[in-house]
Amino acid sequence: MPMYDYTCGRCERRFEAIVTASTADDVRCPDCGAAEVRRHTIAAFAVGSGRKEAAPMAGCGRCGDPRGPGACALD
């Protein structure tokens, strides 16, 4: 799903929103709730893995502790 940059037409706050085909017309400013928003460029794509738990970022390979092997109770 694409994530777009927006600017609120009322309070001028810049924000990002993940947009689907069904929510593209319902984007509102998170501060003032205004629907008068200007869409800018695509900021990023949101991608889900379908997993409920977070994937480890890096580390020992068993628990994902970024301090490396021996840093957690699993080693």
C-alpha atoms as a PDB file:
ATOM      1  CA  MET A   1       0.000   0.000   0.000  1.00  0.00           C
ATOM      2  CA  PRO A   2       1.400   3.427  -0.825  1.00  0.00           C
ATOM      3  CA  MET A   3       2.138   5.984   1.855  1.00  0.00           C
ATOM      4  CA  TYR A   4       1.726   9.595   0.720  1.00  0.00           C
ATOM      5  CA  ASP A   5       2.892  12.922   2.095  1.00  0.00           C
ATOM      6  CA  TYR A   6       0.052  15.384   2.713  1.00  0.00           C
ATOM      7  CA  THR A   7      -0.330  18.997   3.825  1.00  0.00           C
ATOM      8  CA  CYS A   8      -3.443  20.134   5.645  1.00  0.00           C
ATOM      9  CA  GLY A   9      -5.248  23.011   3.947  1.00  0.00           C
ATOM     10  CA  ARG A  10      -6.487  24.370   7.272  1.00  0.00           C
ATOM     11  CA  CYS A  11      -3.570  24.128   9.744  1.00  0.00           C
ATOM     12  CA  GLU A  12      -0.716  23.528   7.222  1.00  0.00           C
ATOM     13  CA  ARG A  13       0.577  20.465   9.103  1.00  0.00           C
ATOM     14  CA  ARG A  14       2.562  17.981   6.975  1.00  0.00           C
ATOM     15  CA  PHE A  15       1.836  14.322   7.636  1.00  0.00           C
ATOM     16  CA  GLU A  16       1.993  10.876   6.047  1.00  0.00           C
ATOM     17  CA  ALA A  17      -0.911   8.504   5.491  1.00  0.00           C
ATOM     18  CA  ILE A  18      -1.169   4.958   4.179  1.00  0.00           C
ATOM     19  CA  VAL A  19      -3.749   4.997   1.403  1.00  0.00           C
ATOM     20  CA  THR A  20      -5.791   2.170  -0.078  1.00  0.00           C
ATOM     21  CA  ALA A  21      -8.308   2.402  -2.892  1.00  0.00           C
ATOM     22  CA  SER A  22     -11.140   2.539  -0.348  1.00  0.00           C
ATOM     23  CA  THR A  23      -9.531   5.209   1.890  1.00  0.00           C
ATOM     24  CA  ALA A  24      -8.065   7.561  -0.739  1.00  0.00           C
ATOM     25  CA  ASP A  25     -10.979  10.009  -0.419  1.00  0.00           C
ATOM     26  CA  ASP A  26     -11.139   9.823   3.396  1.00  0.00           C
ATOM     27  CA  VAL A  27      -7.727  11.218   4.362  1.00  0.00           C
ATOM     28  CA  ARG A  28      -7.992  13.764   7.176  1.00  0.00           C
ATOM     29  CA  CYS A  29      -5.467  15.842   9.081  1.00  0.00           C
ATOM     30  CA  PRO A  30      -4.476  14.030  12.305  1.00  0.00           C
ATOM     31  CA  ASP A  31      -4.288  17.366  14.187  1.00  0.00           C
ATOM     32  CA  CYS A  32      -7.412  19.317  13.231  1.00  0.00           C
ATOM     33  CA  GLY A  33      -9.449  16.646  11.402  1.00  0.00           C
ATOM     34  CA  ALA A  34      -9.832  18.711   8.228  1.00  0.00           C
ATOM     35  CA  ALA A  35     -10.548  16.847   5.005  1.00  0.00           C
ATOM     36  CA  GLU A  36      -9.016  19.666   2.925  1.00  0.00           C
ATOM     37  CA  VAL A  37      -5.613  18.057   2.372  1.00  0.00           C
ATOM     38  CA  ARG A  38      -3.130  18.297  -0.499  1.00  0.00           C
ATOM     39  CA  ARG A  39      -1.398  15.090  -1.534  1.00  0.00           C
ATOM     40  CA  HIS A  40       2.269  15.294  -2.485  1.00  0.00           C
ATOM     41  CA  THR A  41       4.612  12.490  -3.496  1.00  0.00           C
ATOM     42  CA  ILE A  42       4.639   8.858  -2.477  1.00  0.00           C
ATOM     43  CA  ALA A  43       6.695   8.660   0.711  1.00  0.00           C
ATOM     44  CA  ALA A  44       7.060   4.863   0.811  1.00  0.00           C
ATOM     45  CA  PHE A  45       5.232   1.615   0.404  1.00  0.00           C
ATOM     46  CA  ALA A  46       3.883  -0.152   3.483  1.00  0.00           C
ATOM     47  CA  VAL A  47       4.491  -3.869   3.274  1.00  0.00           C
ATOM     48  CA  GLY A  48       3.173  -6.466   5.681  1.00  0.00           C
ATOM     49  CA  SER A  49       4.576  -9.927   6.197  1.00  0.00           C
ATOM     50  CA  GLY A  50       1.372 -11.489   7.439  1.00  0.00           C
ATOM     51  CA  ARG A  51       3.128 -12.395  10.709  1.00  0.00           C
ATOM     52  CA  LYS A  52       1.805 -11.144  14.019  1.00  0.00           C
ATOM     53  CA  GLU A  53       5.175 -10.854  15.762  1.00  0.00           C
ATOM     54  CA  ALA A  54       7.878  -8.414  14.719  1.00  0.00           C
ATOM     55  CA  ALA A  55      10.757  -9.825  12.737  1.00  0.00           C
ATOM     56  CA  PRO A  56      14.192  -9.485  14.316  1.00  0.00           C
ATOM     57  CA  MET A  57      16.174  -6.584  12.925  1.00  0.00           C
ATOM     58  CA  ALA A  58      19.603  -8.145  13.341  1.00  0.00           C
ATOM     59  CA  GLY A  59      21.680  -9.936  15.889  1.00  0.00           C
ATOM     60  CA  CYS A  60      22.470 -13.435  16.995  1.00  0.00           C
ATOM     61  CA  GLY A  61      20.014 -15.264  14.755  1.00  0.00           C
ATOM     62  CA  ARG A  62      18.048 -16.865  17.584  1.00  0.00           C
ATOM     63  CA  CYS A  63      16.292 -13.975  19.289  1.00  0.00           C
ATOM     64  CA  GLY A  64      17.344 -10.964  17.236  1.00  0.00           C
ATOM     65  CA  ASP A  65      19.146  -9.201  20.061  1.00  0.00           C
ATOM     66  CA  PRO A  66      21.187  -6.503  18.305  1.00  0.00           C
ATOM     67  CA  ARG A  67      24.000  -6.888  20.870  1.00  0.00           C
ATOM     68  CA  GLY A  68      24.918 -10.189  19.256  1.00  0.00           C
ATOM     69  CA  PRO A  69      25.518 -13.775  20.374  1.00  0.00           C
ATOM     70  CA  GLY A  70      25.579 -14.359  24.131  1.00  0.00           C
ATOM     71  CA  ALA A  71      23.680 -11.174  24.950  1.00  0.00           C
ATOM     72  CA  CYS A  72      20.363 -12.832  25.822  1.00  0.00           C
ATOM     73  CA  ALA A  73      19.059 -15.717  27.908  1.00  0.00           C
ATOM     74  CA  LEU A  74      18.763 -18.012  24.858  1.00  0.00           C
ATOM     75  CA  ASP A  75      22.553 -18.445  24.584  1.00  0.00           C
END
